[in-house]
Full PDB file with SEQRES, HELIX, SHEET, SSBOND, CRYST1, ORIGX, SCALE, CONECT and MASTER records, all heavy atoms in Angstrom:
SEQRES   1 A   39  ALA LEU GLU ASP SER PRO ASN ALA ALA LEU ASN LYS THR          
SEQRES   2 A   39  LEU LEU ASP ARG TYR TYR SER LEU PRO GLN PRO GLU LYS          
SEQRES   3 A   39  LYS ILE GLN ALA LYS TYR ILE TRP ILE ASP GLY THR GLY          
HELIX    1 AA1 LEU A    2  ASP A    4  5                                   3    
HELIX    2 AA2 PRO A    6  ALA A    9  1                                   4    
HELIX    3 AA3 LYS A   12  LEU A   15  5                                   4    
HELIX    4 AA4 ASP A   16  TYR A   19  1                                   4    
CRYST1    1.000    1.000    1.000  90.00  90.00  90.00 P 1           1          
ORIGX1      1.000000  0.000000  0.000000        0.00000                         
ORIGX2      0.000000  1.000000  0.000000        0.00000                         
ORIGX3      0.000000  0.000000  1.000000        0.00000                         
SCALE1      1.000000  0.000000  0.000000        0.00000                         
SCALE2      0.000000  1.000000  0.000000        0.00000                         
SCALE3      0.000000  0.000000  1.000000        0.00000                         
ATOM      1  N   ALA A   1      -1.837  -9.656 -20.893  1.00  0.00           N  
ATOM      2  CA  ALA A   1      -1.001  -8.583 -20.717  1.00  0.00           C  
ATOM      3  C   ALA A   1      -0.623  -8.370 -19.310  1.00  0.00           C  
ATOM      4  O   ALA A   1       0.552  -7.911 -19.008  1.00  0.00           O  
ATOM      5  CB  ALA A   1      -1.598  -7.285 -21.399  1.00  0.00           C  
ATOM      6  N   LEU A   2      -1.542  -8.366 -18.354  1.00  0.00           N  
ATOM      7  CA  LEU A   2      -1.353  -8.137 -17.026  1.00  0.00           C  
ATOM      8  C   LEU A   2      -0.388  -9.189 -16.439  1.00  0.00           C  
ATOM      9  O   LEU A   2       0.162  -8.982 -15.274  1.00  0.00           O  
ATOM     10  CB  LEU A   2      -2.607  -8.136 -16.347  1.00  0.00           C  
ATOM     11  CG  LEU A   2      -3.437  -6.898 -16.611  1.00  0.00           C  
ATOM     12  CD1 LEU A   2      -4.721  -6.941 -15.721  1.00  0.00           C  
ATOM     13  CD2 LEU A   2      -2.778  -5.578 -16.477  1.00  0.00           C  
ATOM     14  N   GLU A   3      -0.290 -10.451 -16.982  1.00  0.00           N  
ATOM     15  CA  GLU A   3       0.594 -11.379 -16.406  1.00  0.00           C  
ATOM     16  C   GLU A   3       2.038 -10.957 -16.417  1.00  0.00           C  
ATOM     17  O   GLU A   3       2.821 -11.526 -15.683  1.00  0.00           O  
ATOM     18  CB  GLU A   3       0.472 -12.681 -17.178  1.00  0.00           C  
ATOM     19  CG  GLU A   3      -0.878 -13.407 -16.877  1.00  0.00           C  
ATOM     20  CD  GLU A   3      -1.030 -14.658 -17.770  1.00  0.00           C  
ATOM     21  OE1 GLU A   3      -0.101 -15.057 -18.502  1.00  0.00           O  
ATOM     22  OE2 GLU A   3      -2.144 -15.363 -17.521  1.00  0.00           O  
ATOM     23  N   ASP A   4       2.372 -10.037 -17.282  1.00  0.00           N  
ATOM     24  CA  ASP A   4       3.764  -9.519 -17.300  1.00  0.00           C  
ATOM     25  C   ASP A   4       4.007  -8.558 -16.144  1.00  0.00           C  
ATOM     26  O   ASP A   4       5.249  -8.101 -15.919  1.00  0.00           O  
ATOM     27  CB  ASP A   4       3.997  -8.823 -18.691  1.00  0.00           C  
ATOM     28  CG  ASP A   4       3.929  -9.646 -19.788  1.00  0.00           C  
ATOM     29  OD1 ASP A   4       4.203 -10.911 -19.578  1.00  0.00           O  
ATOM     30  OD2 ASP A   4       3.562  -9.310 -20.889  1.00  0.00           O  
ATOM     31  N   SER A   5       3.125  -8.134 -15.385  1.00  0.00           N  
ATOM     32  CA  SER A   5       3.192  -7.109 -14.229  1.00  0.00           C  
ATOM     33  C   SER A   5       3.389  -7.847 -13.026  1.00  0.00           C  
ATOM     34  O   SER A   5       2.504  -8.663 -12.606  1.00  0.00           O  
ATOM     35  CB  SER A   5       2.089  -6.267 -14.248  1.00  0.00           C  
ATOM     36  OG  SER A   5       2.138  -5.485 -13.063  1.00  0.00           O  
ATOM     37  N   PRO A   6       4.552  -7.657 -12.256  1.00  0.00           N  
ATOM     38  CA  PRO A   6       4.767  -8.349 -10.995  1.00  0.00           C  
ATOM     39  C   PRO A   6       3.688  -7.960 -10.019  1.00  0.00           C  
ATOM     40  O   PRO A   6       3.379  -8.714  -9.106  1.00  0.00           O  
ATOM     41  CB  PRO A   6       6.201  -8.058 -10.663  1.00  0.00           C  
ATOM     42  CG  PRO A   6       6.542  -6.784 -11.374  1.00  0.00           C  
ATOM     43  CD  PRO A   6       5.738  -6.921 -12.680  1.00  0.00           C  
ATOM     44  N   ASN A   7       3.275  -6.622 -10.057  1.00  0.00           N  
ATOM     45  CA  ASN A   7       2.220  -6.203  -9.077  1.00  0.00           C  
ATOM     46  C   ASN A   7       0.972  -6.937  -9.288  1.00  0.00           C  
ATOM     47  O   ASN A   7       0.259  -7.323  -8.332  1.00  0.00           O  
ATOM     48  CB  ASN A   7       2.007  -4.640  -9.267  1.00  0.00           C  
ATOM     49  CG  ASN A   7       3.227  -3.849  -8.502  1.00  0.00           C  
ATOM     50  OD1 ASN A   7       3.660  -4.314  -7.539  1.00  0.00           O  
ATOM     51  ND2 ASN A   7       3.587  -2.799  -9.240  1.00  0.00           N  
ATOM     52  N   ALA A   8       0.562  -7.120 -10.651  1.00  0.00           N  
ATOM     53  CA  ALA A   8      -0.695  -7.806 -10.885  1.00  0.00           C  
ATOM     54  C   ALA A   8      -0.722  -9.232 -10.363  1.00  0.00           C  
ATOM     55  O   ALA A   8      -1.651  -9.820 -10.037  1.00  0.00           O  
ATOM     56  CB  ALA A   8      -1.052  -7.788 -12.373  1.00  0.00           C  
ATOM     57  N   ALA A   9       0.539  -9.766 -10.339  1.00  0.00           N  
ATOM     58  CA  ALA A   9       0.659 -11.239  -9.928  1.00  0.00           C  
ATOM     59  C   ALA A   9       0.487 -11.398  -8.425  1.00  0.00           C  
ATOM     60  O   ALA A   9       0.231 -12.578  -8.014  1.00  0.00           O  
ATOM     61  CB  ALA A   9       1.912 -11.717 -10.378  1.00  0.00           C  
ATOM     62  N   LEU A  10       0.662 -10.413  -7.638  1.00  0.00           N  
ATOM     63  CA  LEU A  10       0.544 -10.601  -6.150  1.00  0.00           C  
ATOM     64  C   LEU A  10      -0.858 -10.781  -5.763  1.00  0.00           C  
ATOM     65  O   LEU A  10      -1.784 -10.198  -6.340  1.00  0.00           O  
ATOM     66  CB  LEU A  10       1.151  -9.228  -5.543  1.00  0.00           C  
ATOM     67  CG  LEU A  10       2.540  -9.014  -5.767  1.00  0.00           C  
ATOM     68  CD1 LEU A  10       2.953  -7.708  -5.109  1.00  0.00           C  
ATOM     69  CD2 LEU A  10       3.371 -10.068  -5.084  1.00  0.00           C  
ATOM     70  N   ASN A  11      -1.054 -11.598  -4.758  1.00  0.00           N  
ATOM     71  CA  ASN A  11      -2.335 -11.822  -4.164  1.00  0.00           C  
ATOM     72  C   ASN A  11      -2.836 -10.601  -3.195  1.00  0.00           C  
ATOM     73  O   ASN A  11      -2.319 -10.597  -2.032  1.00  0.00           O  
ATOM     74  CB  ASN A  11      -2.332 -13.093  -3.434  1.00  0.00           C  
ATOM     75  CG  ASN A  11      -3.742 -13.434  -2.857  1.00  0.00           C  
ATOM     76  OD1 ASN A  11      -4.720 -12.823  -2.928  1.00  0.00           O  
ATOM     77  ND2 ASN A  11      -3.938 -14.652  -2.226  1.00  0.00           N  
ATOM     78  N   LYS A  12      -3.610  -9.667  -3.632  1.00  0.00           N  
ATOM     79  CA  LYS A  12      -3.910  -8.491  -2.808  1.00  0.00           C  
ATOM     80  C   LYS A  12      -4.837  -8.971  -1.682  1.00  0.00           C  
ATOM     81  O   LYS A  12      -4.831  -7.991  -0.708  1.00  0.00           O  
ATOM     82  CB  LYS A  12      -4.612  -7.539  -3.713  1.00  0.00           C  
ATOM     83  CG  LYS A  12      -3.819  -7.054  -4.996  1.00  0.00           C  
ATOM     84  CD  LYS A  12      -2.465  -6.474  -4.579  1.00  0.00           C  
ATOM     85  CE  LYS A  12      -1.791  -5.917  -5.899  1.00  0.00           C  
ATOM     86  NZ  LYS A  12      -1.642  -6.794  -7.018  1.00  0.00           N  
ATOM     87  N   THR A  13      -5.595  -9.916  -1.728  1.00  0.00           N  
ATOM     88  CA  THR A  13      -6.404 -10.279  -0.591  1.00  0.00           C  
ATOM     89  C   THR A  13      -5.687 -10.552   0.659  1.00  0.00           C  
ATOM     90  O   THR A  13      -6.194 -10.309   1.731  1.00  0.00           O  
ATOM     91  CB  THR A  13      -7.280 -11.467  -0.991  1.00  0.00           C  
ATOM     92  OG1 THR A  13      -6.457 -12.591  -1.093  1.00  0.00           O  
ATOM     93  CG2 THR A  13      -8.085 -11.248  -2.207  1.00  0.00           C  
ATOM     94  N   LEU A  14      -4.417 -10.867   0.613  1.00  0.00           N  
ATOM     95  CA  LEU A  14      -3.573 -11.056   1.868  1.00  0.00           C  
ATOM     96  C   LEU A  14      -3.385  -9.885   2.677  1.00  0.00           C  
ATOM     97  O   LEU A  14      -3.306  -9.908   3.725  1.00  0.00           O  
ATOM     98  CB  LEU A  14      -2.261 -11.767   1.412  1.00  0.00           C  
ATOM     99  CG  LEU A  14      -2.262 -13.104   0.838  1.00  0.00           C  
ATOM    100  CD1 LEU A  14      -0.961 -13.561   0.461  1.00  0.00           C  
ATOM    101  CD2 LEU A  14      -2.899 -14.111   1.930  1.00  0.00           C  
ATOM    102  N   LEU A  15      -3.449  -8.710   1.866  1.00  0.00           N  
ATOM    103  CA  LEU A  15      -3.185  -7.453   2.584  1.00  0.00           C  
ATOM    104  C   LEU A  15      -4.195  -7.060   3.621  1.00  0.00           C  
ATOM    105  O   LEU A  15      -3.990  -6.464   4.634  1.00  0.00           O  
ATOM    106  CB  LEU A  15      -3.047  -6.304   1.536  1.00  0.00           C  
ATOM    107  CG  LEU A  15      -2.631  -4.889   2.055  1.00  0.00           C  
ATOM    108  CD1 LEU A  15      -1.275  -4.998   2.710  1.00  0.00           C  
ATOM    109  CD2 LEU A  15      -2.604  -3.851   0.913  1.00  0.00           C  
ATOM    110  N   ASP A  16      -5.512  -7.537   3.283  1.00  0.00           N  
ATOM    111  CA  ASP A  16      -6.570  -7.268   4.162  1.00  0.00           C  
ATOM    112  C   ASP A  16      -6.393  -7.943   5.519  1.00  0.00           C  
ATOM    113  O   ASP A  16      -6.994  -7.303   6.544  1.00  0.00           O  
ATOM    114  CB  ASP A  16      -7.909  -7.803   3.557  1.00  0.00           C  
ATOM    115  CG  ASP A  16      -8.319  -6.926   2.325  1.00  0.00           C  
ATOM    116  OD1 ASP A  16      -7.999  -5.814   2.297  1.00  0.00           O  
ATOM    117  OD2 ASP A  16      -9.167  -7.629   1.560  1.00  0.00           O  
ATOM    118  N   ARG A  17      -5.606  -9.003   5.665  1.00  0.00           N  
ATOM    119  CA  ARG A  17      -5.371  -9.593   6.904  1.00  0.00           C  
ATOM    120  C   ARG A  17      -4.604  -8.738   7.804  1.00  0.00           C  
ATOM    121  O   ARG A  17      -4.728  -8.707   9.032  1.00  0.00           O  
ATOM    122  CB  ARG A  17      -4.438 -10.824   6.660  1.00  0.00           C  
ATOM    123  CG  ARG A  17      -4.084 -11.689   7.888  1.00  0.00           C  
ATOM    124  CD  ARG A  17      -3.282 -12.818   7.573  1.00  0.00           C  
ATOM    125  NE  ARG A  17      -3.864 -13.645   6.539  1.00  0.00           N  
ATOM    126  CZ  ARG A  17      -3.266 -14.837   6.054  1.00  0.00           C  
ATOM    127  NH1 ARG A  17      -2.013 -15.066   6.328  1.00  0.00           N  
ATOM    128  NH2 ARG A  17      -3.848 -15.571   5.045  1.00  0.00           N  
ATOM    129  N   TYR A  18      -3.719  -7.799   7.278  1.00  0.00           N  
ATOM    130  CA  TYR A  18      -2.857  -6.875   8.026  1.00  0.00           C  
ATOM    131  C   TYR A  18      -3.551  -5.492   8.297  1.00  0.00           C  
ATOM    132  O   TYR A  18      -3.538  -4.822   9.229  1.00  0.00           O  
ATOM    133  CB  TYR A  18      -1.651  -6.790   7.478  1.00  0.00           C  
ATOM    134  CG  TYR A  18      -0.869  -8.108   7.260  1.00  0.00           C  
ATOM    135  CD1 TYR A  18      -0.988  -8.711   6.086  1.00  0.00           C  
ATOM    136  CD2 TYR A  18      -0.391  -8.763   8.318  1.00  0.00           C  
ATOM    137  CE1 TYR A  18      -0.475 -10.055   5.994  1.00  0.00           C  
ATOM    138  CE2 TYR A  18       0.178 -10.071   8.259  1.00  0.00           C  
ATOM    139  CZ  TYR A  18       0.098 -10.646   6.989  1.00  0.00           C  
ATOM    140  OH  TYR A  18       0.684 -11.991   6.887  1.00  0.00           O  
ATOM    141  N   TYR A  19      -4.298  -5.069   7.175  1.00  0.00           N  
ATOM    142  CA  TYR A  19      -5.169  -3.774   7.351  1.00  0.00           C  
ATOM    143  C   TYR A  19      -6.210  -3.899   8.465  1.00  0.00           C  
ATOM    144  O   TYR A  19      -6.674  -2.955   8.977  1.00  0.00           O  
ATOM    145  CB  TYR A  19      -5.741  -3.367   6.061  1.00  0.00           C  
ATOM    146  CG  TYR A  19      -4.896  -2.552   5.176  1.00  0.00           C  
ATOM    147  CD1 TYR A  19      -5.099  -2.514   3.734  1.00  0.00           C  
ATOM    148  CD2 TYR A  19      -3.677  -1.815   5.727  1.00  0.00           C  
ATOM    149  CE1 TYR A  19      -4.241  -1.811   3.017  1.00  0.00           C  
ATOM    150  CE2 TYR A  19      -2.909  -1.046   4.819  1.00  0.00           C  
ATOM    151  CZ  TYR A  19      -3.235  -1.027   3.519  1.00  0.00           C  
ATOM    152  OH  TYR A  19      -2.417  -0.168   2.739  1.00  0.00           O  
ATOM    153  N   SER A  20      -6.600  -5.173   8.660  1.00  0.00           N  
ATOM    154  CA  SER A  20      -7.686  -5.398   9.693  1.00  0.00           C  
ATOM    155  C   SER A  20      -7.306  -5.475  11.160  1.00  0.00           C  
ATOM    156  O   SER A  20      -7.936  -5.573  11.938  1.00  0.00           O  
ATOM    157  CB  SER A  20      -8.474  -6.625   9.342  1.00  0.00           C  
ATOM    158  OG  SER A  20      -7.674  -7.778   9.377  1.00  0.00           O  
ATOM    159  N   LEU A  21      -5.857  -5.455  11.215  1.00  0.00           N  
ATOM    160  CA  LEU A  21      -5.332  -5.458  12.646  1.00  0.00           C  
ATOM    161  C   LEU A  21      -5.714  -4.211  13.318  1.00  0.00           C  
ATOM    162  O   LEU A  21      -5.637  -3.181  12.632  1.00  0.00           O  
ATOM    163  CB  LEU A  21      -3.648  -5.603  12.527  1.00  0.00           C  
ATOM    164  CG  LEU A  21      -3.209  -6.920  12.182  1.00  0.00           C  
ATOM    165  CD1 LEU A  21      -1.606  -6.740  11.892  1.00  0.00           C  
ATOM    166  CD2 LEU A  21      -3.569  -7.963  13.145  1.00  0.00           C  
ATOM    167  N   PRO A  22      -5.994  -4.257  14.513  1.00  0.00           N  
ATOM    168  CA  PRO A  22      -6.292  -3.033  15.384  1.00  0.00           C  
ATOM    169  C   PRO A  22      -5.064  -2.085  15.279  1.00  0.00           C  
ATOM    170  O   PRO A  22      -3.956  -2.460  15.583  1.00  0.00           O  
ATOM    171  CB  PRO A  22      -6.570  -3.514  16.817  1.00  0.00           C  
ATOM    172  CG  PRO A  22      -6.885  -4.949  16.564  1.00  0.00           C  
ATOM    173  CD  PRO A  22      -6.096  -5.392  15.463  1.00  0.00           C  
ATOM    174  N   GLN A  23      -5.439  -0.747  15.105  1.00  0.00           N  
ATOM    175  CA  GLN A  23      -4.351   0.287  15.096  1.00  0.00           C  
ATOM    176  C   GLN A  23      -4.330   0.920  16.446  1.00  0.00           C  
ATOM    177  O   GLN A  23      -5.361   1.220  17.057  1.00  0.00           O  
ATOM    178  CB  GLN A  23      -4.587   1.244  13.991  1.00  0.00           C  
ATOM    179  CG  GLN A  23      -3.513   2.212  13.829  1.00  0.00           C  
ATOM    180  CD  GLN A  23      -3.787   3.014  12.366  1.00  0.00           C  
ATOM    181  OE1 GLN A  23      -4.298   2.474  11.504  1.00  0.00           O  
ATOM    182  NE2 GLN A  23      -3.076   4.140  12.271  1.00  0.00           N  
ATOM    183  N   PRO A  24      -3.105   1.083  17.085  1.00  0.00           N  
ATOM    184  CA  PRO A  24      -3.030   1.671  18.348  1.00  0.00           C  
ATOM    185  C   PRO A  24      -3.819   3.052  18.407  1.00  0.00           C  
ATOM    186  O   PRO A  24      -3.756   3.803  17.399  1.00  0.00           O  
ATOM    187  CB  PRO A  24      -1.551   1.913  18.537  1.00  0.00           C  
ATOM    188  CG  PRO A  24      -0.911   0.923  17.765  1.00  0.00           C  
ATOM    189  CD  PRO A  24      -1.816   0.618  16.640  1.00  0.00           C  
ATOM    190  N   GLU A  25      -4.541   3.388  19.436  1.00  0.00           N  
ATOM    191  CA  GLU A  25      -5.399   4.509  19.575  1.00  0.00           C  
ATOM    192  C   GLU A  25      -4.675   5.792  19.221  1.00  0.00           C  
ATOM    193  O   GLU A  25      -5.311   6.682  18.523  1.00  0.00           O  
ATOM    194  CB  GLU A  25      -6.030   4.571  20.963  1.00  0.00           C  
ATOM    195  CG  GLU A  25      -7.112   5.697  21.040  1.00  0.00           C  
ATOM    196  CD  GLU A  25      -7.756   5.640  22.520  1.00  0.00           C  
ATOM    197  OE1 GLU A  25      -7.471   4.639  23.153  1.00  0.00           O  
ATOM    198  OE2 GLU A  25      -8.339   6.581  22.769  1.00  0.00           O  
ATOM    199  N   LYS A  26      -3.536   6.070  19.712  1.00  0.00           N  
ATOM    200  CA  LYS A  26      -2.805   7.397  19.462  1.00  0.00           C  
ATOM    201  C   LYS A  26      -1.772   7.256  18.347  1.00  0.00           C  
ATOM    202  O   LYS A  26      -0.813   8.112  18.472  1.00  0.00           O  
ATOM    203  CB  LYS A  26      -2.358   7.818  20.815  1.00  0.00           C  
ATOM    204  CG  LYS A  26      -3.402   8.219  21.828  1.00  0.00           C  
ATOM    205  CD  LYS A  26      -2.835   8.908  23.137  1.00  0.00           C  
ATOM    206  CE  LYS A  26      -4.029   9.214  23.991  1.00  0.00           C  
ATOM    207  NZ  LYS A  26      -3.434   9.940  25.204  1.00  0.00           N  
ATOM    208  N   LYS A  27      -1.912   6.401  17.524  1.00  0.00           N  
ATOM    209  CA  LYS A  27      -0.897   6.337  16.439  1.00  0.00           C  
ATOM    210  C   LYS A  27      -1.582   6.339  15.015  1.00  0.00           C  
ATOM    211  O   LYS A  27      -2.652   5.577  14.824  1.00  0.00           O  
ATOM    212  CB  LYS A  27      -0.135   4.978  16.501  1.00  0.00           C  
ATOM    213  CG  LYS A  27       0.668   4.798  17.843  1.00  0.00           C  
ATOM    214  CD  LYS A  27       1.917   5.680  17.715  1.00  0.00           C  
ATOM    215  CE  LYS A  27       2.746   5.392  19.163  1.00  0.00           C  
ATOM    216  NZ  LYS A  27       3.939   6.319  19.146  1.00  0.00           N  
ATOM    217  N   ILE A  28      -1.128   7.171  14.165  1.00  0.00           N  
ATOM    218  CA  ILE A  28      -1.621   7.283  12.742  1.00  0.00           C  
ATOM    219  C   ILE A  28      -0.458   7.270  11.785  1.00  0.00           C  
ATOM    220  O   ILE A  28       0.582   7.548  12.153  1.00  0.00           O  
ATOM    221  CB  ILE A  28      -2.502   8.432  12.541  1.00  0.00           C  
ATOM    222  CG1 ILE A  28      -1.691   9.768  12.420  1.00  0.00           C  
ATOM    223  CG2 ILE A  28      -3.642   8.614  13.539  1.00  0.00           C  
ATOM    224  CD1 ILE A  28      -2.468  10.936  11.918  1.00  0.00           C  
ATOM    225  N   GLN A  29      -0.856   6.892  10.518  1.00  0.00           N  
ATOM    226  CA  GLN A  29       0.280   6.798   9.578  1.00  0.00           C  
ATOM    227  C   GLN A  29      -0.149   8.059   8.723  1.00  0.00           C  
ATOM    228  O   GLN A  29      -1.231   8.171   8.151  1.00  0.00           O  
ATOM    229  CB  GLN A  29       0.208   5.509   8.698  1.00  0.00           C  
ATOM    230  CG  GLN A  29       0.652   4.339   9.563  1.00  0.00           C  
ATOM    231  CD  GLN A  29       0.489   3.017   8.743  1.00  0.00           C  
ATOM    232  OE1 GLN A  29      -0.772   2.527   8.643  1.00  0.00           O  
ATOM    233  NE2 GLN A  29       1.410   2.468   8.151  1.00  0.00           N  
ATOM    234  N   ALA A  30       0.917   8.842   8.376  1.00  0.00           N  
ATOM    235  CA  ALA A  30       0.809  10.041   7.616  1.00  0.00           C  
ATOM    236  C   ALA A  30       1.728   9.829   6.313  1.00  0.00           C  
ATOM    237  O   ALA A  30       2.925   9.811   6.502  1.00  0.00           O  
ATOM    238  CB  ALA A  30       1.290  11.316   8.382  1.00  0.00           C  
ATOM    239  N   LYS A  31       1.178   9.760   5.164  1.00  0.00           N  
ATOM    240  CA  LYS A  31       1.906   9.555   4.002  1.00  0.00           C  
ATOM    241  C   LYS A  31       2.181  10.931   3.352  1.00  0.00           C  
ATOM    242  O   LYS A  31       1.219  11.581   2.929  1.00  0.00           O  
ATOM    243  CB  LYS A  31       1.292   8.703   3.011  1.00  0.00           C  
ATOM    244  CG  LYS A  31       2.001   8.519   1.720  1.00  0.00           C  
ATOM    245  CD  LYS A  31       1.436   7.449   0.744  1.00  0.00           C  
ATOM    246  CE  LYS A  31       1.650   5.993   1.212  1.00  0.00           C  
ATOM    247  NZ  LYS A  31       3.103   5.666   1.019  1.00  0.00           N  
ATOM    248  N   TYR A  32       3.505  11.417   3.403  1.00  0.00           N  
ATOM    249  CA  TYR A  32       3.848  12.676   2.762  1.00  0.00           C  
ATOM    250  C   TYR A  32       3.993  12.461   1.278  1.00  0.00           C  
ATOM    251  O   TYR A  32       4.777  11.636   0.833  1.00  0.00           O  
ATOM    252  CB  TYR A  32       5.200  13.070   3.434  1.00  0.00           C  
ATOM    253  CG  TYR A  32       5.009  13.793   4.724  1.00  0.00           C  
ATOM    254  CD1 TYR A  32       4.177  13.332   5.731  1.00  0.00           C  
ATOM    255  CD2 TYR A  32       5.727  14.941   5.115  1.00  0.00           C  
ATOM    256  CE1 TYR A  32       4.119  13.873   7.054  1.00  0.00           C  
ATOM    257  CE2 TYR A  32       5.563  15.576   6.354  1.00  0.00           C  
ATOM    258  CZ  TYR A  32       4.809  14.980   7.308  1.00  0.00           C  
ATOM    259  OH  TYR A  32       4.563  15.587   8.530  1.00  0.00           O  
ATOM    260  N   ILE A  33       3.447  13.311   0.465  1.00  0.00           N  
ATOM    261  CA  ILE A  33       3.429  13.243  -1.033  1.00  0.00           C  
ATOM    262  C   ILE A  33       4.103  14.593  -1.518  1.00  0.00           C  
ATOM    263  O   ILE A  33       3.867  15.669  -0.994  1.00  0.00           O  
ATOM    264  CB  ILE A  33       2.015  13.136  -1.513  1.00  0.00           C  
ATOM    265  CG1 ILE A  33       1.345  11.920  -0.969  1.00  0.00           C  
ATOM    266  CG2 ILE A  33       2.037  13.135  -3.090  1.00  0.00           C  
ATOM    267  CD1 ILE A  33      -0.160  11.908  -1.220  1.00  0.00           C  
ATOM    268  N   TRP A  34       4.969  14.491  -2.554  1.00  0.00           N  
ATOM    269  CA  TRP A  34       5.526  15.723  -3.029  1.00  0.00           C  
ATOM    270  C   TRP A  34       5.900  15.370  -4.525  1.00  0.00           C  
ATOM    271  O   TRP A  34       5.810  14.274  -5.026  1.00  0.00           O  
ATOM    272  CB  TRP A  34       6.732  16.015  -2.289  1.00  0.00           C  
ATOM    273  CG  TRP A  34       8.050  15.186  -2.486  1.00  0.00           C  
ATOM    274  CD1 TRP A  34       9.107  15.339  -3.344  1.00  0.00           C  
ATOM    275  CD2 TRP A  34       8.305  14.056  -1.607  1.00  0.00           C  
ATOM    276  NE1 TRP A  34       9.956  14.373  -3.065  1.00  0.00           N  
ATOM    277  CE2 TRP A  34       9.561  13.523  -2.131  1.00  0.00           C  
ATOM    278  CE3 TRP A  34       7.680  13.271  -0.592  1.00  0.00           C  
ATOM    279  CZ2 TRP A  34      10.030  12.431  -1.526  1.00  0.00           C  
ATOM    280  CZ3 TRP A  34       8.295  12.178  -0.031  1.00  0.00           C  
ATOM    281  CH2 TRP A  34       9.483  11.790  -0.499  1.00  0.00           C  
ATOM    282  N   ILE A  35       6.263  16.452  -5.346  1.00  0.00           N  
ATOM    283  CA  ILE A  35       6.546  16.415  -6.671  1.00  0.00           C  
ATOM    284  C   ILE A  35       8.033  16.453  -6.805  1.00  0.00           C  
ATOM    285  O   ILE A  35       8.838  17.281  -6.173  1.00  0.00           O  
ATOM    286  CB  ILE A  35       6.036  17.670  -7.351  1.00  0.00           C  
ATOM    287  CG1 ILE A  35       4.531  17.728  -7.192  1.00  0.00           C  
ATOM    288  CG2 ILE A  35       6.426  17.670  -8.832  1.00  0.00           C  
ATOM    289  CD1 ILE A  35       3.976  19.265  -7.477  1.00  0.00           C  
ATOM    290  N   ASP A  36       8.651  15.564  -7.676  1.00  0.00           N  
ATOM    291  CA  ASP A  36      10.068  15.484  -7.789  1.00  0.00           C  
ATOM    292  C   ASP A  36      10.649  16.523  -8.752  1.00  0.00           C  
ATOM    293  O   ASP A  36       9.967  17.251  -9.258  1.00  0.00           O  
ATOM    294  CB  ASP A  36      10.538  13.996  -8.121  1.00  0.00           C  
ATOM    295  CG  ASP A  36      10.125  13.531  -9.465  1.00  0.00           C  
ATOM    296  OD1 ASP A  36       9.865  14.407 -10.314  1.00  0.00           O  
ATOM    297  OD2 ASP A  36      10.086  12.294  -9.706  1.00  0.00           O  
ATOM    298  N   GLY A  37      11.949  16.267  -9.042  1.00  0.00           N  
ATOM    299  CA  GLY A  37      12.651  17.279  -9.856  1.00  0.00           C  
ATOM    300  C   GLY A  37      12.129  17.293 -11.416  1.00  0.00           C  
ATOM    301  O   GLY A  37      12.471  18.219 -12.119  1.00  0.00           O  
ATOM    302  N   THR A  38      11.439  16.299 -11.817  1.00  0.00           N  
ATOM    303  CA  THR A  38      11.034  16.258 -13.194  1.00  0.00           C  
ATOM    304  C   THR A  38       9.855  17.271 -13.469  1.00  0.00           C  
ATOM    305  O   THR A  38       9.613  17.534 -14.540  1.00  0.00           O  
ATOM    306  CB  THR A  38      10.590  14.770 -13.589  1.00  0.00           C  
ATOM    307  OG1 THR A  38       9.379  14.529 -12.837  1.00  0.00           O  
ATOM    308  CG2 THR A  38      11.736  13.794 -13.415  1.00  0.00           C  
ATOM    309  N   GLY A  39       9.187  17.642 -12.348  1.00  0.00           N  
ATOM    310  CA  GLY A  39       8.000  18.468 -12.393  1.00  0.00           C  
ATOM    311  C   GLY A  39       6.815  17.632 -12.736  1.00  0.00           C  
ATOM    312  O   GLY A  39       5.746  18.286 -12.756  1.00  0.00           O  
TER     313      GLY A  39                                                      
MASTER        0    0    0    4    0    0    0    6  312    1    0    3          
END                                                                             
């Protein structure tokens, strides 16, 4: 069943290669989250 999902087919281990890159000392990523018009 999961083979039908494009997300499941991606190789997630490759992402670790980039998450392991050093992040600049004075830079952070802030993900803003909100509720849309559907409620």
